[in-house]
Amino acid sequence: MVLYYILLLALVQGITEFLPISSSAHLILIHHAMDGGDIKNATNNRLMDIAVHIGTLLAVCTYSHKDIWGMICGTYDLARRKPFDESENAQLMFYVLIASLPILIIGFVIYKTIDPAWFYDPHIIAFTTIIFGLFLGHADKIGKSDRVVEDITAKDALWIGFLQCLSIVPGVSRSGITMTTARYLGLSRTEAARFSLLLAIVATSAVGAAGIWDLIKEGNITLTYDALLAMVLSYISALIVIIFMMRFLKDYTFKTFVIYRVILGIVLLIYLYIWPVI
């Protein structure tokens, strides 16, 4: 894969992964623009996408290291059956785990049974980008902001987890749907983003593990070197974006991201349905 293609993938993934605008949709659009959505390239494209996802995983682990350490301590507390009211770390770890179970199970089934070429369809992206962008805007408008992650219940965590499964459809956005659900449940914007980041660690770890196994089976050294370069670049850009997003959400709403999603979706619809007729 040529260098500018790798740079583009890494930067776009790093910038969009944790913003509620669907990184997978942007990567698919890049692949479609670069190779016309050629099915023959679908496997290599998916492997490169996984590589840049691993880079962003390392970025969120770097940013959320305090929460990660807390969850490690919480695992010990869970093993000792320490009550939640005595250990917020155990509570956080438990909720992250149960919210992650649906995507791990459903995602595994889809990863093993569905042709990856199906996901490389800009028509799907156009509609999901708009629809779920509007849901984000609605949730942000009516959702209260009086709860933190430690205030949620097991039922809340499961709601977030099950709806996270919708992000398997391109354009929905994993971070977008989890933040949307969290806002509907009354979490503040920064807390919704915080829980979304923690869920990303589990989901992206699973995707990364599957991707690494595919890289090993592929036996393509060039692709592996390309993947490593993309991973490093996506790590740097993602870490910068996470810091920016968390600061941004302290003072502003999700409106900017909603507007961006709607505009992107409309532009895609024009390109796909109107432009060919002109």
Protein backbone atom coordinates (compact mmCIF):
# COMPACT_ATOMS: atom_id res chain seq x y z
CA MET A 1 0.00 0.00 0.00
CA VAL A 2 1.40 3.39 -0.98
CA LEU A 3 2.58 5.76 1.76
CA TYR A 4 0.01 8.53 1.26
CA TYR A 5 -2.81 5.94 1.47
CA ILE A 6 -1.43 4.71 4.81
CA LEU A 7 -1.07 8.27 6.11
CA LEU A 8 -4.62 9.11 5.10
CA LEU A 9 -6.08 6.01 6.76
CA ALA A 10 -4.13 6.54 9.97
CA LEU A 11 -4.97 10.22 10.32
CA VAL A 12 -8.64 9.77 9.50
CA GLN A 13 -8.96 6.87 11.95
CA GLY A 14 -7.14 8.76 14.68
CA ILE A 15 -9.29 11.85 14.20
CA THR A 16 -12.67 10.14 13.87
CA GLU A 17 -12.51 7.07 16.12
CA PHE A 18 -13.58 8.71 19.36
CA LEU A 19 -15.66 11.50 17.87
CA PRO A 20 -19.32 10.48 17.37
CA ILE A 21 -19.07 10.54 13.58
CA SER A 22 -18.16 6.92 12.72
CA SER A 23 -14.53 6.19 11.96
CA SER A 24 -15.44 2.99 10.08
CA ALA A 25 -17.66 4.98 7.72
CA HIS A 26 -14.86 7.39 6.93
CA LEU A 27 -12.40 4.54 6.34
CA ILE A 28 -14.86 2.81 4.01
CA LEU A 29 -15.37 6.03 2.06
CA ILE A 30 -11.60 6.42 1.72
CA HIS A 31 -11.25 2.85 0.44
CA HIS A 32 -14.13 3.43 -1.96
CA ALA A 33 -12.54 6.62 -3.27
CA MET A 34 -9.10 5.06 -3.60
CA ASP A 35 -9.96 1.70 -5.14
CA GLY A 36 -13.60 2.06 -6.13
CA GLY A 37 -14.75 -0.34 -3.44
CA ASP A 38 -13.10 -3.25 -5.30
CA ILE A 39 -14.18 -6.44 -3.51
CA LYS A 40 -10.76 -7.95 -4.25
CA ASN A 41 -9.23 -5.42 -1.86
CA ALA A 42 -11.81 -5.90 0.89
CA THR A 43 -9.69 -8.28 2.98
CA ASN A 44 -6.54 -6.14 2.88
CA ASN A 45 -8.59 -3.03 3.57
CA ARG A 46 -10.16 -4.68 6.60
CA LEU A 47 -6.75 -5.68 7.94
CA MET A 48 -5.45 -2.13 7.56
CA ASP A 49 -8.58 -0.83 9.27
CA ILE A 50 -7.91 -3.19 12.18
CA ALA A 51 -4.31 -1.98 12.38
CA VAL A 52 -5.33 1.66 12.76
CA HIS A 53 -7.97 0.59 15.30
CA ILE A 54 -5.22 -0.98 17.38
CA GLY A 55 -3.37 2.33 17.27
CA THR A 56 -6.40 4.13 18.61
CA LEU A 57 -6.82 1.42 21.25
CA LEU A 58 -3.33 2.20 22.56
CA ALA A 59 -4.26 5.89 22.57
CA VAL A 60 -7.37 5.40 24.71
CA CYS A 61 -5.43 3.14 27.07
CA THR A 62 -2.87 5.91 27.46
CA TYR A 63 -5.52 8.54 28.14
CA SER A 64 -7.68 6.38 30.42
CA HIS A 65 -4.84 4.77 32.37
CA LYS A 66 -6.27 5.87 35.73
CA ASP A 67 -9.64 4.30 35.00
CA ILE A 68 -7.91 1.17 33.70
CA TRP A 69 -5.90 0.84 36.90
CA GLY A 70 -9.08 1.40 38.87
CA MET A 71 -10.81 -1.43 36.97
CA ILE A 72 -7.85 -3.72 37.61
CA CYS A 73 -8.23 -3.01 41.32
CA GLY A 74 -11.97 -3.46 40.87
CA THR A 75 -11.41 -6.94 39.44
CA TYR A 76 -9.66 -7.87 42.67
CA ASP A 77 -12.55 -6.43 44.66
CA LEU A 78 -15.02 -8.40 42.54
CA ALA A 79 -13.07 -11.58 43.19
CA ARG A 80 -13.39 -10.86 46.92
CA ARG A 81 -17.13 -10.18 46.42
CA LYS A 82 -16.75 -6.72 47.84
CA PRO A 83 -20.07 -4.78 47.72
CA PHE A 84 -20.38 -2.04 45.11
CA ASP A 85 -21.11 0.56 47.76
CA GLU A 86 -17.67 -0.15 49.16
CA SER A 87 -15.83 -0.26 45.83
CA GLU A 88 -16.63 2.07 42.93
CA ASN A 89 -13.80 0.39 41.01
CA ALA A 90 -15.57 -2.98 41.22
CA GLN A 91 -18.80 -1.34 40.12
CA LEU A 92 -17.11 0.31 37.13
CA MET A 93 -15.41 -2.92 36.09
CA PHE A 94 -18.65 -4.88 36.32
CA TYR A 95 -20.62 -2.37 34.26
CA VAL A 96 -17.95 -2.17 31.56
CA LEU A 97 -17.93 -5.96 31.31
CA ILE A 98 -21.69 -6.45 31.04
CA ALA A 99 -21.99 -3.55 28.59
CA SER A 100 -19.31 -5.19 26.43
CA LEU A 101 -20.76 -8.70 26.33
CA PRO A 102 -23.38 -8.05 23.60
CA ILE A 103 -20.90 -6.59 21.11
CA LEU A 104 -18.36 -9.34 21.81
CA ILE A 105 -20.88 -12.10 21.13
CA ILE A 106 -22.73 -10.55 18.20
CA GLY A 107 -19.58 -9.05 16.73
CA PHE A 108 -17.83 -12.44 16.76
CA VAL A 109 -20.72 -14.12 14.96
CA ILE A 110 -20.84 -11.42 12.28
CA TYR A 111 -17.04 -11.37 11.90
CA LYS A 112 -17.09 -15.11 11.18
CA THR A 113 -20.19 -15.31 8.98
CA ILE A 114 -20.62 -12.13 6.93
CA ASP A 115 -18.58 -11.17 3.88
CA PRO A 116 -16.60 -7.99 4.74
CA ALA A 117 -17.42 -6.57 1.31
CA TRP A 118 -20.98 -5.97 2.54
CA PHE A 119 -19.73 -3.28 4.89
CA TYR A 120 -18.09 -1.32 2.08
CA ASP A 121 -21.31 0.24 0.82
CA PRO A 122 -21.58 4.06 0.83
CA HIS A 123 -25.37 3.84 0.37
CA ILE A 124 -25.73 2.39 3.86
CA ILE A 125 -23.38 4.98 5.28
CA ALA A 126 -25.33 7.89 3.83
CA PHE A 127 -28.55 6.96 5.63
CA THR A 128 -27.08 5.76 8.93
CA THR A 129 -24.88 8.85 9.19
CA ILE A 130 -27.93 11.13 9.05
CA ILE A 131 -30.36 9.02 11.09
CA PHE A 132 -28.07 8.29 14.02
CA GLY A 133 -26.68 11.81 13.90
CA LEU A 134 -30.21 13.10 14.51
CA PHE A 135 -30.64 10.64 17.37
CA LEU A 136 -27.46 12.02 18.92
CA GLY A 137 -28.78 15.55 18.64
CA HIS A 138 -32.13 14.59 20.18
CA ALA A 139 -30.51 12.75 23.08
CA ASP A 140 -28.18 15.65 23.74
CA LYS A 141 -31.10 18.08 23.75
CA ILE A 142 -33.45 16.23 26.10
CA GLY A 143 -30.94 14.26 28.16
CA LYS A 144 -30.17 15.44 31.64
CA SER A 145 -26.61 15.93 32.82
CA ASP A 146 -26.87 15.04 36.48
CA ARG A 147 -25.33 11.55 36.43
CA VAL A 148 -21.79 10.20 36.33
CA VAL A 149 -20.68 6.73 35.28
CA GLU A 150 -20.69 5.50 38.87
CA ASP A 151 -24.41 6.37 39.11
CA ILE A 152 -25.58 4.00 36.37
CA THR A 153 -27.22 0.65 37.03
CA ALA A 154 -26.70 -2.79 35.52
CA LYS A 155 -29.82 -2.20 33.41
CA ASP A 156 -28.36 1.08 32.10
CA ALA A 157 -25.09 -0.66 31.21
CA LEU A 158 -26.94 -3.39 29.33
CA TRP A 159 -28.95 -0.82 27.36
CA ILE A 160 -25.73 0.87 26.30
CA GLY A 161 -24.18 -2.51 25.50
CA PHE A 162 -27.01 -3.81 23.36
CA LEU A 163 -27.35 -0.57 21.42
CA GLN A 164 -23.59 -0.54 20.89
CA CYS A 165 -24.17 -3.58 18.67
CA LEU A 166 -25.83 -1.26 16.13
CA SER A 167 -22.37 0.17 15.46
CA ILE A 168 -21.59 -2.99 13.48
CA VAL A 169 -23.60 -1.30 10.74
CA PRO A 170 -21.31 1.24 9.04
CA GLY A 171 -22.11 4.87 9.68
CA VAL A 172 -23.81 4.32 13.04
CA SER A 173 -20.61 5.01 15.02
CA ARG A 174 -19.69 2.99 18.10
CA SER A 175 -18.76 6.10 20.07
CA GLY A 176 -21.81 7.90 18.69
CA ILE A 177 -24.39 5.28 19.69
CA THR A 178 -22.89 4.72 23.13
CA MET A 179 -22.77 8.44 23.84
CA THR A 180 -26.31 8.83 22.50
CA THR A 181 -27.63 6.12 24.80
CA ALA A 182 -25.68 7.46 27.75
CA ARG A 183 -27.14 10.95 27.18
CA TYR A 184 -30.66 9.50 27.04
CA LEU A 185 -29.88 7.89 30.40
CA GLY A 186 -28.89 11.23 31.89
CA LEU A 187 -25.09 11.07 31.89
CA SER A 188 -23.28 14.35 31.34
CA ARG A 189 -21.48 14.79 28.03
CA THR A 190 -18.03 14.20 29.50
CA GLU A 191 -19.22 11.17 31.47
CA ALA A 192 -20.95 9.74 28.40
CA ALA A 193 -17.68 10.14 26.51
CA ARG A 194 -15.73 8.62 29.40
CA PHE A 195 -17.85 5.45 29.47
CA SER A 196 -17.69 5.25 25.68
CA LEU A 197 -13.90 5.35 25.85
CA LEU A 198 -13.81 2.53 28.38
CA LEU A 199 -16.11 0.39 26.23
CA ALA A 200 -13.83 1.08 23.28
CA ILE A 201 -10.98 -0.66 25.10
CA VAL A 202 -12.86 -3.96 25.25
CA ALA A 203 -14.46 -3.79 21.78
CA THR A 204 -11.31 -2.68 19.99
CA SER A 205 -9.18 -5.25 21.83
CA ALA A 206 -11.40 -8.00 20.46
CA VAL A 207 -11.24 -6.59 16.94
CA GLY A 208 -7.48 -6.15 17.23
CA ALA A 209 -6.94 -9.71 18.42
CA ALA A 210 -8.92 -11.08 15.49
CA GLY A 211 -7.04 -8.78 13.13
CA ILE A 212 -3.62 -9.81 14.38
CA TRP A 213 -4.56 -13.44 13.85
CA ASP A 214 -5.62 -12.62 10.30
CA LEU A 215 -2.33 -10.82 9.68
CA ILE A 216 -0.43 -13.90 10.84
CA LYS A 217 -2.47 -16.18 8.58
CA GLU A 218 -2.08 -13.74 5.67
CA GLY A 219 1.70 -14.01 5.88
CA ASN A 220 2.08 -10.76 3.94
CA ILE A 221 5.19 -9.01 5.34
CA THR A 222 4.59 -5.83 3.34
CA LEU A 223 1.08 -5.55 4.67
CA THR A 224 2.39 -6.13 8.20
CA TYR A 225 4.94 -3.30 7.91
CA ASP A 226 2.25 -1.05 6.46
CA ALA A 227 -0.03 -1.96 9.34
CA LEU A 228 2.62 -1.13 11.93
CA LEU A 229 3.24 2.29 10.41
CA ALA A 230 -0.48 3.02 10.27
CA MET A 231 -0.82 1.89 13.89
CA VAL A 232 1.78 4.36 15.17
CA LEU A 233 0.36 7.28 13.21
CA SER A 234 -3.22 6.56 14.32
CA TYR A 235 -2.06 6.34 17.94
CA ILE A 236 -0.55 9.83 17.86
CA SER A 237 -3.49 11.47 16.12
CA ALA A 238 -6.08 9.67 18.29
CA LEU A 239 -4.45 10.70 21.56
CA ILE A 240 -4.51 14.35 20.48
CA VAL A 241 -8.17 14.09 19.46
CA ILE A 242 -9.24 12.42 22.74
CA ILE A 243 -7.70 15.23 24.76
CA PHE A 244 -9.39 17.79 22.52
CA MET A 245 -12.80 16.08 22.67
CA MET A 246 -12.89 15.79 26.46
CA ARG A 247 -12.02 19.46 26.83
CA PHE A 248 -14.49 20.45 24.12
CA LEU A 249 -17.40 18.62 25.77
CA LYS A 250 -16.89 20.45 29.04
CA ASP A 251 -18.11 23.66 27.42
CA TYR A 252 -19.99 22.68 24.26
CA THR A 253 -22.74 20.31 23.10
CA PHE A 254 -22.72 17.57 20.46
CA LYS A 255 -24.38 19.96 17.99
CA THR A 256 -21.21 20.42 15.94
CA PHE A 257 -20.93 16.68 15.35
CA VAL A 258 -24.64 16.37 14.52
CA ILE A 259 -24.38 19.09 11.88
CA TYR A 260 -21.29 17.46 10.40
CA ARG A 261 -23.01 14.07 10.18
CA VAL A 262 -26.11 15.49 8.50
CA ILE A 263 -24.05 17.45 5.96
CA LEU A 264 -21.89 14.42 5.20
CA GLY A 265 -24.95 12.22 4.74
CA ILE A 266 -26.66 14.72 2.43
CA VAL A 267 -23.52 15.13 0.34
CA LEU A 268 -23.29 11.34 -0.01
CA LEU A 269 -26.93 11.07 -1.03
CA ILE A 270 -26.46 13.76 -3.68
CA TYR A 271 -23.34 12.01 -4.97
CA LEU A 272 -24.98 8.59 -5.05
CA TYR A 273 -28.49 9.38 -6.30
CA ILE A 274 -28.51 12.81 -7.98
CA TRP A 275 -25.03 13.39 -9.38
CA PRO A 276 -25.05 10.32 -11.71
CA VAL A 277 -28.29 11.56 -13.31
CA ILE A 278 -26.99 15.08 -14.05
